[in-house]
Amino acid sequence: MIGISKKTISGTKTNRQARNKIMELAQTRKINTVLVTELSRWGRSTQDLLETLN
């Protein structure tokens, strides 16, 4: 299954529905790969990025 999620919410928000859904799919092993073209689009700060990757 291939899906595309386009991010449109403010970068200052930490509760982002699209990212949360992707994380849920990955954690339940419904998807096994997430391609992010820019890390700045995935995490809004170094701390946010590191917490998500953990």
N, C-alpha and C. Protein backbone atom coordinates (compact mmCIF):
# COMPACT_ATOMS: atom_id res chain seq x y z
N MET A 1 0.84 -1.18 0.00
CA MET A 1 0.00 0.00 0.00
C MET A 1 0.88 1.24 0.00
N ILE A 2 0.61 2.16 -0.86
CA ILE A 2 1.34 3.42 -0.91
C ILE A 2 0.35 4.53 -0.58
N GLY A 3 0.77 5.40 0.32
CA GLY A 3 -0.07 6.52 0.69
C GLY A 3 0.75 7.79 0.72
N ILE A 4 0.11 8.87 0.48
CA ILE A 4 0.79 10.17 0.52
C ILE A 4 0.03 11.06 1.48
N SER A 5 0.78 11.69 2.35
CA SER A 5 0.19 12.62 3.30
C SER A 5 0.80 13.99 3.05
N LYS A 6 -0.03 14.97 2.80
CA LYS A 6 0.45 16.33 2.60
C LYS A 6 0.19 17.12 3.86
N LYS A 7 1.25 17.71 4.39
CA LYS A 7 1.17 18.45 5.64
C LYS A 7 0.70 19.88 5.37
N THR A 8 -0.35 20.29 6.07
CA THR A 8 -0.86 21.65 5.86
C THR A 8 -1.06 22.42 7.14
N ILE A 9 -0.81 21.80 8.29
CA ILE A 9 -1.05 22.46 9.57
C ILE A 9 0.18 23.29 9.98
N SER A 10 -0.02 24.23 10.85
CA SER A 10 1.05 25.10 11.32
C SER A 10 2.20 24.30 11.92
N GLY A 11 3.40 24.77 11.66
CA GLY A 11 4.60 24.12 12.18
C GLY A 11 4.77 24.25 13.67
N THR A 12 4.03 25.12 14.30
CA THR A 12 4.17 25.28 15.74
C THR A 12 3.33 24.28 16.52
N LYS A 13 2.46 23.58 15.85
CA LYS A 13 1.59 22.60 16.51
C LYS A 13 2.37 21.31 16.76
N THR A 14 2.23 20.75 17.95
CA THR A 14 2.89 19.48 18.23
C THR A 14 1.94 18.31 18.03
N ASN A 15 0.64 18.54 18.04
CA ASN A 15 -0.34 17.49 17.81
C ASN A 15 -0.81 17.57 16.36
N ARG A 16 -0.09 16.89 15.49
CA ARG A 16 -0.41 16.94 14.06
C ARG A 16 -1.04 15.62 13.65
N GLN A 17 -2.28 15.70 13.19
CA GLN A 17 -3.07 14.50 12.91
C GLN A 17 -2.42 13.59 11.87
N ALA A 18 -1.89 14.14 10.79
CA ALA A 18 -1.30 13.29 9.74
C ALA A 18 -0.08 12.55 10.28
N ARG A 19 0.79 13.25 11.01
CA ARG A 19 1.97 12.59 11.57
C ARG A 19 1.57 11.55 12.61
N ASN A 20 0.58 11.87 13.43
CA ASN A 20 0.10 10.92 14.43
C ASN A 20 -0.44 9.65 13.77
N LYS A 21 -1.17 9.80 12.67
CA LYS A 21 -1.71 8.64 11.97
C LYS A 21 -0.58 7.80 11.38
N ILE A 22 0.42 8.44 10.80
CA ILE A 22 1.56 7.72 10.24
C ILE A 22 2.28 6.96 11.35
N MET A 23 2.47 7.60 12.49
CA MET A 23 3.14 6.94 13.62
C MET A 23 2.33 5.73 14.09
N GLU A 24 1.01 5.87 14.16
CA GLU A 24 0.16 4.76 14.57
C GLU A 24 0.27 3.60 13.58
N LEU A 25 0.25 3.88 12.30
CA LEU A 25 0.37 2.84 11.29
C LEU A 25 1.72 2.13 11.38
N ALA A 26 2.77 2.89 11.62
CA ALA A 26 4.11 2.30 11.74
C ALA A 26 4.23 1.46 13.01
N GLN A 27 3.70 1.96 14.12
CA GLN A 27 3.81 1.24 15.39
C GLN A 27 3.00 -0.05 15.40
N THR A 28 1.93 -0.10 14.63
CA THR A 28 1.13 -1.32 14.54
C THR A 28 1.57 -2.18 13.35
N ARG A 29 2.66 -1.77 12.73
CA ARG A 29 3.26 -2.51 11.60
C ARG A 29 2.34 -2.67 10.41
N LYS A 30 1.45 -1.70 10.23
CA LYS A 30 0.61 -1.69 9.03
C LYS A 30 1.37 -1.07 7.86
N ILE A 31 2.39 -0.30 8.17
CA ILE A 31 3.34 0.20 7.18
C ILE A 31 4.73 -0.06 7.73
N ASN A 32 5.71 -0.21 6.86
CA ASN A 32 7.06 -0.47 7.34
C ASN A 32 8.08 0.56 6.88
N THR A 33 7.65 1.53 6.11
CA THR A 33 8.57 2.56 5.64
C THR A 33 7.87 3.91 5.64
N VAL A 34 8.59 4.90 6.10
CA VAL A 34 8.11 6.29 6.03
C VAL A 34 9.21 7.08 5.34
N LEU A 35 8.88 7.71 4.25
CA LEU A 35 9.83 8.53 3.51
C LEU A 35 9.54 10.00 3.80
N VAL A 36 10.53 10.67 4.34
CA VAL A 36 10.41 12.09 4.65
C VAL A 36 11.48 12.81 3.83
N THR A 37 11.07 13.74 3.00
CA THR A 37 12.02 14.41 2.11
C THR A 37 12.81 15.51 2.81
N GLU A 38 12.27 16.05 3.89
CA GLU A 38 12.98 17.05 4.68
C GLU A 38 12.68 16.81 6.16
N LEU A 39 13.73 16.62 6.96
CA LEU A 39 13.52 16.39 8.39
C LEU A 39 12.81 17.56 9.06
N SER A 40 12.99 18.76 8.53
CA SER A 40 12.32 19.92 9.11
C SER A 40 10.81 19.84 8.94
N ARG A 41 10.32 19.02 8.00
CA ARG A 41 8.88 18.84 7.83
C ARG A 41 8.33 17.81 8.80
N TRP A 42 9.19 16.96 9.34
CA TRP A 42 8.74 15.91 10.27
C TRP A 42 8.79 16.36 11.72
N GLY A 43 9.90 17.00 12.09
CA GLY A 43 10.05 17.48 13.46
C GLY A 43 10.23 18.97 13.48
N ARG A 44 9.58 19.61 14.41
CA ARG A 44 9.62 21.07 14.46
C ARG A 44 10.80 21.60 15.27
N SER A 45 11.45 20.72 15.99
CA SER A 45 12.64 21.10 16.74
C SER A 45 13.50 19.84 16.83
N THR A 46 14.72 20.02 17.23
CA THR A 46 15.59 18.85 17.39
C THR A 46 14.99 17.90 18.42
N GLN A 47 14.49 18.44 19.50
CA GLN A 47 13.88 17.62 20.55
C GLN A 47 12.68 16.85 20.02
N ASP A 48 11.80 17.52 19.30
CA ASP A 48 10.62 16.89 18.72
C ASP A 48 11.04 15.76 17.78
N LEU A 49 12.02 16.01 16.94
CA LEU A 49 12.51 15.00 15.99
C LEU A 49 13.07 13.79 16.72
N LEU A 50 13.91 14.03 17.73
CA LEU A 50 14.51 12.92 18.48
C LEU A 50 13.46 12.10 19.22
N GLU A 51 12.48 12.76 19.80
CA GLU A 51 11.42 12.05 20.52
C GLU A 51 10.62 11.18 19.55
N THR A 52 10.34 11.68 18.37
CA THR A 52 9.59 10.92 17.39
C THR A 52 10.39 9.72 16.91
N LEU A 53 11.67 9.91 16.67
CA LEU A 53 12.50 8.81 16.18
C LEU A 53 12.66 7.72 17.22
N ASN A 54 12.68 8.10 18.49
CA ASN A 54 12.77 7.09 19.55
C ASN A 54 11.53 6.27 19.60
